[in-house]
Amino acid sequence: MSLTINIYYTGENGSARKFAEEMVEKGVVDRVRAEKGNQKYEYFFPMNDPETVLLIDRWENQEALDEHHKSPMMKEIAELRDKYHLHMRVEQYVEK
């Protein structure tokens, strides 16, 4: 069973894209990808909404996702999200 989480980050004046760029520049993205159980962590930019960034995040199982949520990176991600004044919309899919 794997879990796929789509997170839509939306801001203003390009802030969502700046957030994603800073996540990459600070190495947060590489650290998440290196976590046990992570299968995918990729940003996409919808053509019809320049103020939104889509993160597709896939985990091997719920336990791996729970460990990720307990990691110090979550605080770092939340601080960056606050810095760029982003709103989130989350969708979760379970693959069996």
C-alpha atoms as a PDB file:
ATOM      1  CA  MET A   1       0.000   0.000   0.000  1.00  0.00           C
ATOM      2  CA  SER A   2       1.317   3.436  -0.830  1.00  0.00           C
ATOM      3  CA  LEU A   3      -0.068   6.881  -0.102  1.00  0.00           C
ATOM      4  CA  THR A   4      -0.053   9.744  -2.559  1.00  0.00           C
ATOM      5  CA  ILE A   5      -0.649  13.232  -1.243  1.00  0.00           C
ATOM      6  CA  ASN A   6      -1.306  16.165  -3.561  1.00  0.00           C
ATOM      7  CA  ILE A   7      -0.665  19.462  -1.845  1.00  0.00           C
ATOM      8  CA  TYR A   8      -1.684  22.631  -3.648  1.00  0.00           C
ATOM      9  CA  TYR A   9       0.199  25.671  -2.318  1.00  0.00           C
ATOM     10  CA  THR A  10      -1.406  28.951  -3.376  1.00  0.00           C
ATOM     11  CA  GLY A  11      -0.158  32.475  -2.764  1.00  0.00           C
ATOM     12  CA  GLU A  12       0.175  35.834  -4.478  1.00  0.00           C
ATOM     13  CA  ASN A  13       2.747  37.520  -6.703  1.00  0.00           C
ATOM     14  CA  GLY A  14       4.670  34.320  -7.408  1.00  0.00           C
ATOM     15  CA  SER A  15       5.133  33.399  -3.747  1.00  0.00           C
ATOM     16  CA  ALA A  16       4.218  29.723  -4.235  1.00  0.00           C
ATOM     17  CA  ARG A  17       6.902  29.291  -6.868  1.00  0.00           C
ATOM     18  CA  LYS A  18       9.432  31.137  -4.653  1.00  0.00           C
ATOM     19  CA  PHE A  19       8.527  28.759  -1.812  1.00  0.00           C
ATOM     20  CA  ALA A  20       9.231  25.709  -4.010  1.00  0.00           C
ATOM     21  CA  GLU A  21      12.500  27.230  -5.223  1.00  0.00           C
ATOM     22  CA  GLU A  22      13.648  27.902  -1.653  1.00  0.00           C
ATOM     23  CA  MET A  23      12.690  24.354  -0.644  1.00  0.00           C
ATOM     24  CA  VAL A  24      15.045  23.093  -3.353  1.00  0.00           C
ATOM     25  CA  GLU A  25      17.813  25.638  -2.631  1.00  0.00           C
ATOM     26  CA  LYS A  26      17.843  24.865   1.115  1.00  0.00           C
ATOM     27  CA  GLY A  27      18.101  21.138   0.432  1.00  0.00           C
ATOM     28  CA  VAL A  28      14.788  20.323   2.106  1.00  0.00           C
ATOM     29  CA  VAL A  29      13.511  18.534  -0.991  1.00  0.00           C
ATOM     30  CA  ASP A  30      16.591  16.294  -1.169  1.00  0.00           C
ATOM     31  CA  ARG A  31      16.316  15.503   2.550  1.00  0.00           C
ATOM     32  CA  VAL A  32      12.665  14.509   2.212  1.00  0.00           C
ATOM     33  CA  ARG A  33      13.454  12.337  -0.808  1.00  0.00           C
ATOM     34  CA  ALA A  34      16.160  10.597   1.235  1.00  0.00           C
ATOM     35  CA  GLU A  35      13.770   9.690   4.055  1.00  0.00           C
ATOM     36  CA  LYS A  36      12.915   6.032   4.495  1.00  0.00           C
ATOM     37  CA  GLY A  37       9.680   5.248   2.707  1.00  0.00           C
ATOM     38  CA  ASN A  38       9.568   8.297   0.429  1.00  0.00           C
ATOM     39  CA  GLN A  39       8.812   7.325  -3.149  1.00  0.00           C
ATOM     40  CA  LYS A  40       8.212  10.704  -4.759  1.00  0.00           C
ATOM     41  CA  TYR A  41       8.472  14.383  -3.880  1.00  0.00           C
ATOM     42  CA  GLU A  42       7.998  16.556  -6.965  1.00  0.00           C
ATOM     43  CA  TYR A  43       6.695  20.065  -7.619  1.00  0.00           C
ATOM     44  CA  PHE A  44       4.559  20.928 -10.641  1.00  0.00           C
ATOM     45  CA  PHE A  45       3.257  24.260 -11.910  1.00  0.00           C
ATOM     46  CA  PRO A  46      -0.337  24.282 -13.248  1.00  0.00           C
ATOM     47  CA  MET A  47      -0.600  26.091 -16.557  1.00  0.00           C
ATOM     48  CA  ASN A  48      -3.987  27.624 -15.722  1.00  0.00           C
ATOM     49  CA  ASP A  49      -3.017  28.975 -12.272  1.00  0.00           C
ATOM     50  CA  PRO A  50       0.339  30.789 -12.010  1.00  0.00           C
ATOM     51  CA  GLU A  51      -0.183  31.396  -8.274  1.00  0.00           C
ATOM     52  CA  THR A  52      -0.341  27.702  -7.368  1.00  0.00           C
ATOM     53  CA  VAL A  53       2.289  24.993  -7.038  1.00  0.00           C
ATOM     54  CA  LEU A  54       1.337  21.327  -6.825  1.00  0.00           C
ATOM     55  CA  LEU A  55       3.457  18.990  -4.713  1.00  0.00           C
ATOM     56  CA  ILE A  56       3.001  15.292  -5.405  1.00  0.00           C
ATOM     57  CA  ASP A  57       4.287  13.429  -2.370  1.00  0.00           C
ATOM     58  CA  ARG A  58       4.220   9.591  -2.277  1.00  0.00           C
ATOM     59  CA  TRP A  59       5.027   7.368   0.702  1.00  0.00           C
ATOM     60  CA  GLU A  60       5.446   3.624   1.030  1.00  0.00           C
ATOM     61  CA  ASN A  61       2.943   3.418   3.907  1.00  0.00           C
ATOM     62  CA  GLN A  62       1.252   5.419   6.661  1.00  0.00           C
ATOM     63  CA  GLU A  63       4.081   4.728   9.105  1.00  0.00           C
ATOM     64  CA  ALA A  64       6.640   6.339   6.790  1.00  0.00           C
ATOM     65  CA  LEU A  65       4.395   9.378   6.360  1.00  0.00           C
ATOM     66  CA  ASP A  66       3.880   9.608  10.132  1.00  0.00           C
ATOM     67  CA  GLU A  67       7.665   9.553  10.692  1.00  0.00           C
ATOM     68  CA  HIS A  68       8.068  12.307   8.116  1.00  0.00           C
ATOM     69  CA  HIS A  69       5.454  14.403   9.928  1.00  0.00           C
ATOM     70  CA  LYS A  70       7.457  13.997  13.183  1.00  0.00           C
ATOM     71  CA  SER A  71      10.726  15.072  11.560  1.00  0.00           C
ATOM     72  CA  PRO A  72      12.389  18.457  12.161  1.00  0.00           C
ATOM     73  CA  MET A  73      11.869  19.211   8.464  1.00  0.00           C
ATOM     74  CA  MET A  74       8.162  19.741   9.078  1.00  0.00           C
ATOM     75  CA  LYS A  75       8.950  22.806  11.194  1.00  0.00           C
ATOM     76  CA  GLU A  76      11.222  24.121   8.456  1.00  0.00           C
ATOM     77  CA  ILE A  77       8.542  23.537   5.802  1.00  0.00           C
ATOM     78  CA  ALA A  78       5.884  25.252   7.955  1.00  0.00           C
ATOM     79  CA  GLU A  79       8.175  28.266   8.506  1.00  0.00           C
ATOM     80  CA  LEU A  80       8.734  28.629   4.757  1.00  0.00           C
ATOM     81  CA  ARG A  81       5.009  28.245   4.094  1.00  0.00           C
ATOM     82  CA  ASP A  82       4.347  31.039   6.612  1.00  0.00           C
ATOM     83  CA  LYS A  83       7.128  33.184   5.158  1.00  0.00           C
ATOM     84  CA  TYR A  84       5.426  33.108   1.757  1.00  0.00           C
ATOM     85  CA  HIS A  85       1.860  33.408   3.174  1.00  0.00           C
ATOM     86  CA  LEU A  86       0.646  30.286   1.406  1.00  0.00           C
ATOM     87  CA  HIS A  87      -2.683  28.517   1.656  1.00  0.00           C
ATOM     88  CA  MET A  88      -2.860  24.741   1.272  1.00  0.00           C
ATOM     89  CA  ARG A  89      -5.368  22.325  -0.153  1.00  0.00           C
ATOM     90  CA  VAL A  90      -4.609  18.632   0.409  1.00  0.00           C
ATOM     91  CA  GLU A  91      -5.843  15.492  -1.333  1.00  0.00           C
ATOM     92  CA  GLN A  92      -4.803  12.007  -0.223  1.00  0.00           C
ATOM     93  CA  TYR A  93      -5.049   8.779  -2.220  1.00  0.00           C
ATOM     94  CA  VAL A  94      -4.405   5.239  -1.013  1.00  0.00           C
ATOM     95  CA  GLU A  95      -3.065   2.729  -3.515  1.00  0.00           C
ATOM     96  CA  LYS A  96      -3.485  -0.931  -2.603  1.00  0.00           C
END
